Amino acid sequence: MTIVVRVAATQPDVERSAQAAIAAHPRQLLPLATDTLASQTTPDAARAWITGLQDALITQGPQAGADADTRAWAE
């Protein structure tokens, strides 16, 4: 996840793909993603990444079977 977060700063397609993957499997990947963002990025970069992730969760979360708490956070 560290490499993905670092590469995503200059590769928007990588960022969107990672966000879609996290949205598809939020129980497994969301904790890792948030920990990585907190430790590997600036607050502004983390905020932008989380906003993109939120959009992916709103779009994909219901189809991927995201739990109610995750969907509520995203909405």
Protein backbone atom coordinates (compact mmCIF):
# COMPACT_ATOMS: atom_id res chain seq x y z
CA MET A 1 0.00 0.00 0.00
CA THR A 2 2.90 2.35 0.71
CA ILE A 3 4.17 2.06 -2.85
CA VAL A 4 0.69 2.57 -4.28
CA VAL A 5 0.14 5.71 -2.21
CA ARG A 6 3.51 7.14 -3.19
CA VAL A 7 3.11 6.34 -6.91
CA ALA A 8 -0.47 7.59 -6.94
CA ALA A 9 0.74 11.12 -6.25
CA THR A 10 1.94 11.32 -9.85
CA GLN A 11 -0.20 8.62 -11.47
CA PRO A 12 -3.94 9.43 -11.23
CA ASP A 13 -4.93 6.12 -12.86
CA VAL A 14 -3.08 4.19 -10.14
CA GLU A 15 -4.83 6.26 -7.50
CA ARG A 16 -8.29 5.64 -8.97
CA SER A 17 -7.59 1.92 -9.35
CA ALA A 18 -6.40 1.63 -5.77
CA GLN A 19 -9.44 3.52 -4.52
CA ALA A 20 -11.72 1.21 -6.50
CA ALA A 21 -9.97 -1.85 -5.05
CA ILE A 22 -10.33 -0.50 -1.53
CA ALA A 23 -14.00 0.27 -2.16
CA ALA A 24 -14.52 -3.27 -3.41
CA HIS A 25 -12.98 -4.77 -0.24
CA PRO A 26 -13.29 -2.11 2.47
CA ARG A 27 -13.17 -4.46 5.46
CA GLN A 28 -9.79 -5.81 4.41
CA LEU A 29 -8.19 -2.76 2.80
CA LEU A 30 -9.64 0.40 4.37
CA PRO A 31 -7.72 0.13 7.67
CA LEU A 32 -4.45 -0.47 5.81
CA ALA A 33 -5.14 2.42 3.45
CA THR A 34 -5.92 4.92 6.20
CA ASP A 35 -2.87 3.89 8.24
CA THR A 36 -0.67 4.23 5.17
CA LEU A 37 -2.11 7.60 4.23
CA ALA A 38 -1.59 8.90 7.74
CA SER A 39 2.03 7.82 7.85
CA GLN A 40 3.15 8.34 4.24
CA THR A 41 1.50 11.54 3.01
CA THR A 42 0.92 15.13 3.95
CA PRO A 43 -2.42 16.07 5.48
CA ASP A 44 -3.51 17.74 2.24
CA ALA A 45 -2.56 14.72 0.14
CA ALA A 46 -4.31 12.37 2.58
CA ARG A 47 -7.43 14.53 2.49
CA ALA A 48 -7.50 14.46 -1.33
CA TRP A 49 -6.93 10.69 -1.37
CA ILE A 50 -9.67 10.08 1.18
CA THR A 51 -12.08 12.26 -0.79
CA GLY A 52 -11.43 10.11 -3.87
CA LEU A 53 -11.84 7.01 -1.77
CA GLN A 54 -15.11 8.33 -0.39
CA ASP A 55 -16.38 8.84 -3.95
CA ALA A 56 -15.37 5.26 -4.83
CA LEU A 57 -17.13 3.90 -1.75
CA ILE A 58 -20.32 5.78 -2.57
CA THR A 59 -20.22 4.44 -6.13
CA GLN A 60 -18.98 0.90 -5.51
CA GLY A 61 -19.55 0.18 -1.85
CA PRO A 62 -23.16 -0.98 -2.13
CA GLN A 63 -22.35 -3.30 -5.02
CA ALA A 64 -19.31 -4.71 -3.21
CA GLY A 65 -21.29 -5.48 -0.09
CA ALA A 66 -19.73 -2.82 2.10
CA ASP A 67 -21.09 -2.93 5.60
CA ALA A 68 -23.60 -0.34 6.83
CA ASP A 69 -21.02 1.61 8.86
CA THR A 70 -18.74 2.00 5.84
CA ARG A 71 -21.61 3.12 3.62
CA ALA A 72 -22.78 5.58 6.28
CA TRP A 73 -19.29 7.07 6.54
CA ALA A 74 -19.06 7.46 2.78
CA GLU A 75 -22.45 9.12 2.44
